[in-house]
Structures are given as C-alpha cells and as structure tokens.
C-alpha cells in the first residue's frame, strides 16, 4: 500500500498541477456582455440591500424602546425602595 502511494505521489509530481490559465470554470460558459447589464441581478442586489437596512432600523427602534422601558422600570423601583 505504501508503495502504491509513493508511486502515485511521484506521478502527481511529474505531471505537475494544472495551470489555472488552461482550466475552464463550470460556472462561466460564455463571455460577459457588458453592453447589456443583468437588470434582474442589479434589482435583486439593491432590493436585498434596502430590505436589510429596513430590518436594521426596525430592530434598532425596537431595541431603543425596550431600553427606555427598562430604564423607566428601574427608576420606579429605586424611588419606591427609599
């Protein structure tokens, strides 16, 4: 078994790693045409970004409201104790 691994390692070293210049990606089958942008992709990117910003602001407002509620609750407790 060790002999087979050594032989395989030697063959791999002799062949060398394939150059990236000669490999073809499975995801790029044609050249990009920059004259006609992908408007669906552009719209999807911008709408996703806008939706994330809306969620961020909504969560921030909820957090501020919760902070204010707890702050008032804490103040009521402390003044009632003394």
PDB file of N, CA and C in Angstrom:
ATOM      1  N   UNK A   1       0.826  -1.187   0.000  1.00  0.00           N
ATOM      2  CA  UNK A   1       0.000   0.000   0.000  1.00  0.00           C
ATOM      3  C   UNK A   1       0.870   1.251   0.000  1.00  0.00           C
ATOM      4  N   UNK A   2       1.910   1.255   0.829  1.00  0.00           N
ATOM      5  CA  UNK A   2       2.792   2.413   0.891  1.00  0.00           C
ATOM      6  C   UNK A   2       3.501   2.615  -0.439  1.00  0.00           C
ATOM      7  N   UNK A   3       3.799   1.499  -1.125  1.00  0.00           N
ATOM      8  CA  UNK A   3       4.454   1.596  -2.427  1.00  0.00           C
ATOM      9  C   UNK A   3       3.534   2.256  -3.440  1.00  0.00           C
ATOM     10  N   UNK A   4       2.262   1.895  -3.405  1.00  0.00           N
ATOM     11  CA  UNK A   4       1.308   2.495  -4.335  1.00  0.00           C
ATOM     12  C   UNK A   4       1.162   3.993  -4.083  1.00  0.00           C
ATOM     13  N   UNK A   5       1.190   4.390  -2.823  1.00  0.00           N
ATOM     14  CA  UNK A   5       1.087   5.818  -2.505  1.00  0.00           C
ATOM     15  C   UNK A   5       2.313   6.579  -3.000  1.00  0.00           C
ATOM     16  N   UNK A   6       3.489   5.969  -2.851  1.00  0.00           N
ATOM     17  CA  UNK A   6       4.709   6.619  -3.329  1.00  0.00           C
ATOM     18  C   UNK A   6       4.689   6.770  -4.840  1.00  0.00           C
ATOM     19  N   UNK A   7       4.224   5.748  -5.530  1.00  0.00           N
ATOM     20  CA  UNK A   7       4.157   5.806  -6.994  1.00  0.00           C
ATOM     21  C   UNK A   7       3.171   6.886  -7.423  1.00  0.00           C
ATOM     22  N   UNK A   8       2.016   6.942  -6.763  1.00  0.00           N
ATOM     23  CA  UNK A   8       1.017   7.948  -7.102  1.00  0.00           C
ATOM     24  C   UNK A   8       1.555   9.355  -6.848  1.00  0.00           C
ATOM     25  N   UNK A   9       2.313   9.512  -5.751  1.00  0.00           N
ATOM     26  CA  UNK A   9       2.877  10.818  -5.431  1.00  0.00           C
ATOM     27  C   UNK A   9       3.907  11.235  -6.480  1.00  0.00           C
ATOM     28  N   UNK A  10       4.708  10.292  -6.929  1.00  0.00           N
ATOM     29  CA  UNK A  10       5.714  10.595  -7.956  1.00  0.00           C
ATOM     30  C   UNK A  10       5.054  10.979  -9.262  1.00  0.00           C
ATOM     31  N   UNK A  11       4.006  10.250  -9.634  1.00  0.00           N
ATOM     32  CA  UNK A  11       3.311  10.572 -10.882  1.00  0.00           C
ATOM     33  C   UNK A  11       2.673  11.961 -10.812  1.00  0.00           C
ATOM     34  N   UNK A  12       2.121  12.285  -9.660  1.00  0.00           N
ATOM     35  CA  UNK A  12       1.496  13.597  -9.497  1.00  0.00           C
ATOM     36  C   UNK A  12       2.547  14.705  -9.586  1.00  0.00           C
ATOM     37  N   UNK A  13       3.701  14.487  -8.966  1.00  0.00           N
ATOM     38  CA  UNK A  13       4.756  15.499  -9.024  1.00  0.00           C
ATOM     39  C   UNK A  13       5.306  15.637 -10.432  1.00  0.00           C
ATOM     40  N   UNK A  14       5.409  14.541 -11.160  1.00  0.00           N
ATOM     41  CA  UNK A  14       5.930  14.587 -12.515  1.00  0.00           C
ATOM     42  C   UNK A  14       4.946  15.306 -13.441  1.00  0.00           C
ATOM     43  N   UNK A  15       3.653  15.092 -13.222  1.00  0.00           N
ATOM     44  CA  UNK A  15       2.658  15.711 -14.093  1.00  0.00           C
ATOM     45  C   UNK A  15       2.523  17.198 -13.779  1.00  0.00           C
ATOM     46  N   UNK A  16       2.697  17.571 -12.529  1.00  0.00           N
ATOM     47  CA  UNK A  16       2.548  18.969 -12.140  1.00  0.00           C
ATOM     48  C   UNK A  16       1.080  19.331 -11.978  1.00  0.00           C
ATOM     49  N   UNK A  17       0.834  20.404 -11.297  1.00  0.00           N
ATOM     50  CA  UNK A  17      -0.538  20.866 -11.073  1.00  0.00           C
ATOM     51  C   UNK A  17      -1.050  21.534 -12.342  1.00  0.00           C
ATOM     52  N   UNK A  18      -2.323  21.375 -12.639  1.00  0.00           N
ATOM     53  CA  UNK A  18      -2.847  22.027 -13.842  1.00  0.00           C
ATOM     54  C   UNK A  18      -2.823  23.546 -13.674  1.00  0.00           C
ATOM     55  N   UNK A  19      -2.463  24.223 -14.727  1.00  0.00           N
ATOM     56  CA  UNK A  19      -2.400  25.678 -14.696  1.00  0.00           C
ATOM     57  C   UNK A  19      -3.807  26.247 -14.749  1.00  0.00           C
ATOM     58  N   UNK A  20      -4.045  27.289 -13.983  1.00  0.00           N
ATOM     59  CA  UNK A  20      -5.376  27.894 -13.952  1.00  0.00           C
ATOM     60  C   UNK A  20      -5.717  28.573 -15.276  1.00  0.00           C
ATOM     61  N   UNK A  21      -4.707  28.913 -16.063  1.00  0.00           N
ATOM     62  CA  UNK A  21      -4.968  29.572 -17.335  1.00  0.00           C
ATOM     63  C   UNK A  21      -5.642  28.629 -18.331  1.00  0.00           C
ATOM     64  N   UNK A  22      -5.432  27.349 -18.167  1.00  0.00           N
ATOM     65  CA  UNK A  22      -5.979  26.398 -19.125  1.00  0.00           C
ATOM     66  C   UNK A  22      -7.206  25.661 -18.603  1.00  0.00           C
ATOM     67  N   UNK A  23      -7.640  25.963 -17.410  1.00  0.00           N
ATOM     68  CA  UNK A  23      -8.837  25.318 -16.886  1.00  0.00           C
ATOM     69  C   UNK A  23     -10.041  26.190 -17.183  1.00  0.00           C
ATOM     70  N   UNK A  24     -11.193  25.572 -17.295  1.00  0.00           N
ATOM     71  CA  UNK A  24     -12.417  26.303 -17.584  1.00  0.00           C
ATOM     72  C   UNK A  24     -13.386  26.101 -16.428  1.00  0.00           C
ATOM     73  N   UNK A  25     -13.918  27.180 -15.939  1.00  0.00           N
ATOM     74  CA  UNK A  25     -14.850  27.101 -14.835  1.00  0.00           C
ATOM     75  C   UNK A  25     -16.180  26.560 -15.320  1.00  0.00           C
ATOM     76  N   UNK A  26     -16.832  25.760 -14.489  1.00  0.00           N
ATOM     77  CA  UNK A  26     -18.136  25.206 -14.844  1.00  0.00           C
ATOM     78  C   UNK A  26     -19.218  26.274 -14.778  1.00  0.00           C
ATOM     79  N   UNK A  27     -18.955  27.370 -14.086  1.00  0.00           N
ATOM     80  CA  UNK A  27     -19.964  28.396 -13.892  1.00  0.00           C
ATOM     81  C   UNK A  27     -19.928  29.486 -14.958  1.00  0.00           C
ATOM     82  N   UNK A  28     -18.846  29.600 -15.693  1.00  0.00           N
ATOM     83  CA  UNK A  28     -18.741  30.611 -16.738  1.00  0.00           C
ATOM     84  C   UNK A  28     -18.674  29.893 -18.070  1.00  0.00           C
ATOM     85  N   UNK A  29     -19.791  29.893 -18.775  1.00  0.00           N
ATOM     86  CA  UNK A  29     -19.832  29.173 -20.041  1.00  0.00           C
ATOM     87  C   UNK A  29     -19.701  30.108 -21.226  1.00  0.00           C
ATOM     88  N   UNK A  30     -19.901  31.421 -21.013  1.00  0.00           N
ATOM     89  CA  UNK A  30     -19.791  32.368 -22.124  1.00  0.00           C
ATOM     90  C   UNK A  30     -19.191  33.667 -21.603  1.00  0.00           C
ATOM     91  N   UNK A  31     -18.768  34.486 -22.515  1.00  0.00           N
ATOM     92  CA  UNK A  31     -18.190  35.772 -22.138  1.00  0.00           C
ATOM     93  C   UNK A  31     -19.275  36.709 -21.654  1.00  0.00           C
ATOM     94  N   UNK A  32     -18.931  37.566 -20.722  1.00  0.00           N
ATOM     95  CA  UNK A  32     -19.897  38.550 -20.226  1.00  0.00           C
ATOM     96  C   UNK A  32     -20.063  39.648 -21.257  1.00  0.00           C
ATOM     97  N   UNK A  33     -21.302  40.069 -21.419  1.00  0.00           N
ATOM     98  CA  UNK A  33     -21.604  41.171 -22.313  1.00  0.00           C
ATOM     99  C   UNK A  33     -21.921  42.387 -21.450  1.00  0.00           C
ATOM    100  N   UNK A  34     -20.993  43.330 -21.391  1.00  0.00           N
ATOM    101  CA  UNK A  34     -21.168  44.490 -20.537  1.00  0.00           C
ATOM    102  C   UNK A  34     -22.053  45.560 -21.185  1.00  0.00           C
ATOM    103  N   UNK A  35     -22.410  45.375 -22.447  1.00  0.00           N
ATOM    104  CA  UNK A  35     -23.317  46.316 -23.091  1.00  0.00           C
ATOM    105  C   UNK A  35     -24.750  46.137 -22.611  1.00  0.00           C
ATOM    106  N   UNK A  36     -25.092  44.937 -22.173  1.00  0.00           N
ATOM    107  CA  UNK A  36     -26.440  44.642 -21.676  1.00  0.00           C
ATOM    108  C   UNK A  36     -26.338  44.126 -20.249  1.00  0.00           C
ATOM    109  N   UNK A  37     -26.487  45.022 -19.264  1.00  0.00           N
ATOM    110  CA  UNK A  37     -26.358  44.579 -17.865  1.00  0.00           C
ATOM    111  C   UNK A  37     -27.505  43.659 -17.461  1.00  0.00           C
ATOM    112  N   UNK A  38     -27.268  42.873 -16.460  1.00  0.00           N
ATOM    113  CA  UNK A  38     -28.269  41.957 -15.918  1.00  0.00           C
ATOM    114  C   UNK A  38     -29.130  42.749 -14.936  1.00  0.00           C
ATOM    115  N   UNK A  39     -30.215  43.338 -15.413  1.00  0.00           N
ATOM    116  CA  UNK A  39     -31.029  44.213 -14.585  1.00  0.00           C
ATOM    117  C   UNK A  39     -31.739  43.457 -13.474  1.00  0.00           C
ATOM    118  N   UNK A  40     -32.045  42.198 -13.702  1.00  0.00           N
ATOM    119  CA  UNK A  40     -32.651  41.389 -12.643  1.00  0.00           C
ATOM    120  C   UNK A  40     -31.695  41.256 -11.471  1.00  0.00           C
ATOM    121  N   UNK A  41     -30.447  40.965 -11.761  1.00  0.00           N
ATOM    122  CA  UNK A  41     -29.441  40.835 -10.704  1.00  0.00           C
ATOM    123  C   UNK A  41     -29.187  42.151  -9.995  1.00  0.00           C
ATOM    124  N   UNK A  42     -29.163  43.249 -10.755  1.00  0.00           N
ATOM    125  CA  UNK A  42     -28.953  44.569 -10.160  1.00  0.00           C
ATOM    126  C   UNK A  42     -30.111  44.898  -9.229  1.00  0.00           C
ATOM    127  N   UNK A  43     -31.342  44.677  -9.696  1.00  0.00           N
ATOM    128  CA  UNK A  43     -32.517  44.946  -8.876  1.00  0.00           C
ATOM    129  C   UNK A  43     -32.558  44.076  -7.637  1.00  0.00           C
ATOM    130  N   UNK A  44     -32.192  42.822  -7.787  1.00  0.00           N
ATOM    131  CA  UNK A  44     -32.175  41.905  -6.653  1.00  0.00           C
ATOM    132  C   UNK A  44     -31.151  42.352  -5.611  1.00  0.00           C
ATOM    133  N   UNK A  45     -29.991  42.790  -6.054  1.00  0.00           N
ATOM    134  CA  UNK A  45     -28.952  43.242  -5.124  1.00  0.00           C
ATOM    135  C   UNK A  45     -29.408  44.488  -4.367  1.00  0.00           C
ATOM    136  N   UNK A  46     -29.954  45.467  -5.096  1.00  0.00           N
ATOM    137  CA  UNK A  46     -30.378  46.699  -4.427  1.00  0.00           C
ATOM    138  C   UNK A  46     -31.576  46.478  -3.523  1.00  0.00           C
ATOM    139  N   UNK A  47     -32.524  45.651  -3.946  1.00  0.00           N
ATOM    140  CA  UNK A  47     -33.699  45.415  -3.100  1.00  0.00           C
ATOM    141  C   UNK A  47     -33.319  44.635  -1.844  1.00  0.00           C
ATOM    142  N   UNK A  48     -32.381  43.712  -1.962  1.00  0.00           N
ATOM    143  CA  UNK A  48     -31.912  42.976  -0.792  1.00  0.00           C
ATOM    144  C   UNK A  48     -31.226  43.919   0.187  1.00  0.00           C
ATOM    145  N   UNK A  49     -30.408  44.816  -0.351  1.00  0.00           N
ATOM    146  CA  UNK A  49     -29.729  45.785   0.499  1.00  0.00           C
ATOM    147  C   UNK A  49     -30.737  46.694   1.205  1.00  0.00           C
ATOM    148  N   UNK A  50     -31.739  47.166   0.477  1.00  0.00           N
ATOM    149  CA  UNK A  50     -32.758  48.036   1.067  1.00  0.00           C
ATOM    150  C   UNK A  50     -33.541  47.291   2.149  1.00  0.00           C
ATOM    151  N   UNK A  51     -33.890  46.044   1.887  1.00  0.00           N
ATOM    152  CA  UNK A  51     -34.637  45.263   2.870  1.00  0.00           C
ATOM    153  C   UNK A  51     -33.814  45.052   4.136  1.00  0.00           C
ATOM    154  N   UNK A  52     -32.540  44.800   3.997  1.00  0.00           N
ATOM    155  CA  UNK A  52     -31.686  44.630   5.175  1.00  0.00           C
ATOM    156  C   UNK A  52     -31.569  45.916   5.984  1.00  0.00           C
ATOM    157  N   UNK A  53     -31.494  47.074   5.294  1.00  0.00           N
ATOM    158  CA  UNK A  53     -31.448  48.348   6.012  1.00  0.00           C
ATOM    159  C   UNK A  53     -32.751  48.595   6.760  1.00  0.00           C
ATOM    160  N   UNK A  54     -33.890  48.275   6.138  1.00  0.00           N
ATOM    161  CA  UNK A  54     -35.183  48.455   6.801  1.00  0.00           C
ATOM    162  C   UNK A  54     -35.251  47.588   8.058  1.00  0.00           C
ATOM    163  N   UNK A  55     -34.833  46.342   7.944  1.00  0.00           N
ATOM    164  CA  UNK A  55     -34.832  45.457   9.110  1.00  0.00           C
ATOM    165  C   UNK A  55     -33.891  45.965  10.200  1.00  0.00           C
ATOM    166  N   UNK A  56     -32.753  46.518   9.797  1.00  0.00           N
ATOM    167  CA  UNK A  56     -31.800  47.057  10.762  1.00  0.00           C
ATOM    168  C   UNK A  56     -32.404  48.221  11.538  1.00  0.00           C
ATOM    169  N   UNK A  57     -33.050  49.169  10.832  1.00  0.00           N
ATOM    170  CA  UNK A  57     -33.667  50.307  11.504  1.00  0.00           C
ATOM    171  C   UNK A  57     -34.825  49.873  12.386  1.00  0.00           C
ATOM    172  N   UNK A  58     -35.614  48.925  11.915  1.00  0.00           N
ATOM    173  CA  UNK A  58     -36.734  48.427  12.717  1.00  0.00           C
ATOM    174  C   UNK A  58     -36.233  47.793  14.013  1.00  0.00           C
ATOM    175  N   UNK A  59     -35.220  46.958  13.908  1.00  0.00           N
ATOM    176  CA  UNK A  59     -34.661  46.313  15.096  1.00  0.00           C
ATOM    177  C   UNK A  59     -34.060  47.342  16.038  1.00  0.00           C
ATOM    178  N   UNK A  60     -33.398  48.353  15.490  1.00  0.00           N
ATOM    179  CA  UNK A  60     -32.812  49.401  16.323  1.00  0.00           C
ATOM    180  C   UNK A  60     -33.901  50.140  17.092  1.00  0.00           C
ATOM    181  N   UNK A  61     -34.992  50.490  16.426  1.00  0.00           N
ATOM    182  CA  UNK A  61     -36.081  51.191  17.102  1.00  0.00           C
ATOM    183  C   UNK A  61     -36.700  50.331  18.204  1.00  0.00           C
ATOM    184  N   UNK A  62     -36.864  49.055  17.946  1.00  0.00           N
ATOM    185  CA  UNK A  62     -37.390  48.155  18.978  1.00  0.00           C
ATOM    186  C   UNK A  62     -36.441  48.059  20.164  1.00  0.00           C
ATOM    187  N   UNK A  63     -35.143  48.011  19.893  1.00  0.00           N
ATOM    188  CA  UNK A  63     -34.158  47.950  20.971  1.00  0.00           C
ATOM    189  C   UNK A  63     -34.172  49.224  21.809  1.00  0.00           C
ATOM    190  N   UNK A  64     -34.305  50.390  21.160  1.00  0.00           N
ATOM    191  CA  UNK A  64     -34.350  51.659  21.892  1.00  0.00           C
ATOM    192  C   UNK A  64     -35.599  51.710  22.756  1.00  0.00           C
ATOM    193  N   UNK A  65     -36.742  51.279  22.224  1.00  0.00           N
ATOM    194  CA  UNK A  65     -37.982  51.279  23.005  1.00  0.00           C
ATOM    195  C   UNK A  65     -37.862  50.360  24.218  1.00  0.00           C
ATOM    196  N   UNK A  66     -37.250  49.182  24.043  1.00  0.00           N
ATOM    197  CA  UNK A  66     -37.055  48.253  25.159  1.00  0.00           C
ATOM    198  C   UNK A  66     -36.108  48.842  26.198  1.00  0.00           C
ATOM    199  N   UNK A  67     -35.074  49.521  25.738  1.00  0.00           N
ATOM    200  CA  UNK A  67     -34.128  50.169  26.651  1.00  0.00           C
ATOM    201  C   UNK A  67     -34.838  51.235  27.491  1.00  0.00           C
ATOM    202  N   UNK A  68     -35.641  52.059  26.826  1.00  0.00           N
ATOM    203  CA  UNK A  68     -36.366  53.113  27.549  1.00  0.00           C
ATOM    204  C   UNK A  68     -37.354  52.514  28.549  1.00  0.00           C
ATOM    205  N   UNK A  69     -38.047  51.442  28.165  1.00  0.00           N
ATOM    206  CA  UNK A  69     -38.996  50.802  29.066  1.00  0.00           C
ATOM    207  C   UNK A  69     -38.297  50.255  30.306  1.00  0.00           C
ATOM    208  N   UNK A  70     -37.178  49.576  30.123  1.00  0.00           N
ATOM    209  CA  UNK A  70     -36.445  49.022  31.259  1.00  0.00           C
ATOM    210  C   UNK A  70     -35.846  50.120  32.128  1.00  0.00           C
ATOM    211  N   UNK A  71     -35.435  51.216  31.501  1.00  0.00           N
ATOM    212  CA  UNK A  71     -34.861  52.331  32.250  1.00  0.00           C
ATOM    213  C   UNK A  71     -35.920  52.955  33.166  1.00  0.00           C
ATOM    214  N   UNK A  72     -37.125  53.159  32.622  1.00  0.00           N
ATOM    215  CA  UNK A  72     -38.209  53.707  33.440  1.00  0.00           C
ATOM    216  C   UNK A  72     -38.596  52.741  34.563  1.00  0.00           C
ATOM    217  N   UNK A  73     -38.616  51.451  34.258  1.00  0.00           N
ATOM    218  CA  UNK A  73     -38.960  50.443  35.263  1.00  0.00           C
ATOM    219  C   UNK A  73     -37.933  50.443  36.393  1.00  0.00           C
ATOM    220  N   UNK A  74     -36.681  50.580  36.049  1.00  0.00           N
ATOM    221  CA  UNK A  74     -35.606  50.615  37.035  1.00  0.00           C
ATOM    222  C   UNK A  74     -35.728  51.849  37.920  1.00  0.00           C
ATOM    223  N   UNK A  75     -36.053  52.988  37.323  1.00  0.00           N
ATOM    224  CA  UNK A  75     -36.183  54.226  38.091  1.00  0.00           C
ATOM    225  C   UNK A  75     -37.364  54.144  39.058  1.00  0.00           C
ATOM    226  N   UNK A  76     -38.478  53.549  38.616  1.00  0.00           N
ATOM    227  CA  UNK A  76     -39.641  53.401  39.500  1.00  0.00           C
ATOM    228  C   UNK A  76     -39.315  52.517  40.697  1.00  0.00           C
ATOM    229  N   UNK A  77     -38.587  51.449  40.448  1.00  0.00           N
ATOM    230  CA  UNK A  77     -38.218  50.533  41.520  1.00  0.00           C
ATOM    231  C   UNK A  77     -37.333  51.213  42.547  1.00  0.00           C
ATOM    232  N   UNK A  78     -36.350  51.951  42.090  1.00  0.00           N
ATOM    233  CA  UNK A  78     -35.395  52.575  43.004  1.00  0.00           C
ATOM    234  C   UNK A  78     -36.035  53.674  43.841  1.00  0.00           C
ATOM    235  N   UNK A  79     -36.920  54.465  43.286  1.00  0.00           N
ATOM    236  CA  UNK A  79     -37.555  55.533  44.048  1.00  0.00           C
ATOM    237  C   UNK A  79     -38.548  54.972  45.037  1.00  0.00           C
ATOM    238  N   UNK A  80     -39.178  53.832  44.755  1.00  0.00           N
ATOM    239  CA  UNK A  80     -40.125  53.227  45.668  1.00  0.00           C
ATOM    240  C   UNK A  80     -39.445  52.573  46.870  1.00  0.00           C
ATOM    241  N   UNK A  81     -38.187  52.187  46.722  1.00  0.00           N
ATOM    242  CA  UNK A  81     -37.484  51.497  47.811  1.00  0.00           C
ATOM    243  C   UNK A  81     -37.078  52.465  48.904  1.00  0.00           C
ATOM    244  N   UNK A  82     -36.709  53.697  48.599  1.00  0.00           N
ATOM    245  CA  UNK A  82     -36.181  54.597  49.613  1.00  0.00           C
ATOM    246  C   UNK A  82     -37.188  55.524  50.181  1.00  0.00           C
TER     247      UNK A  82
END
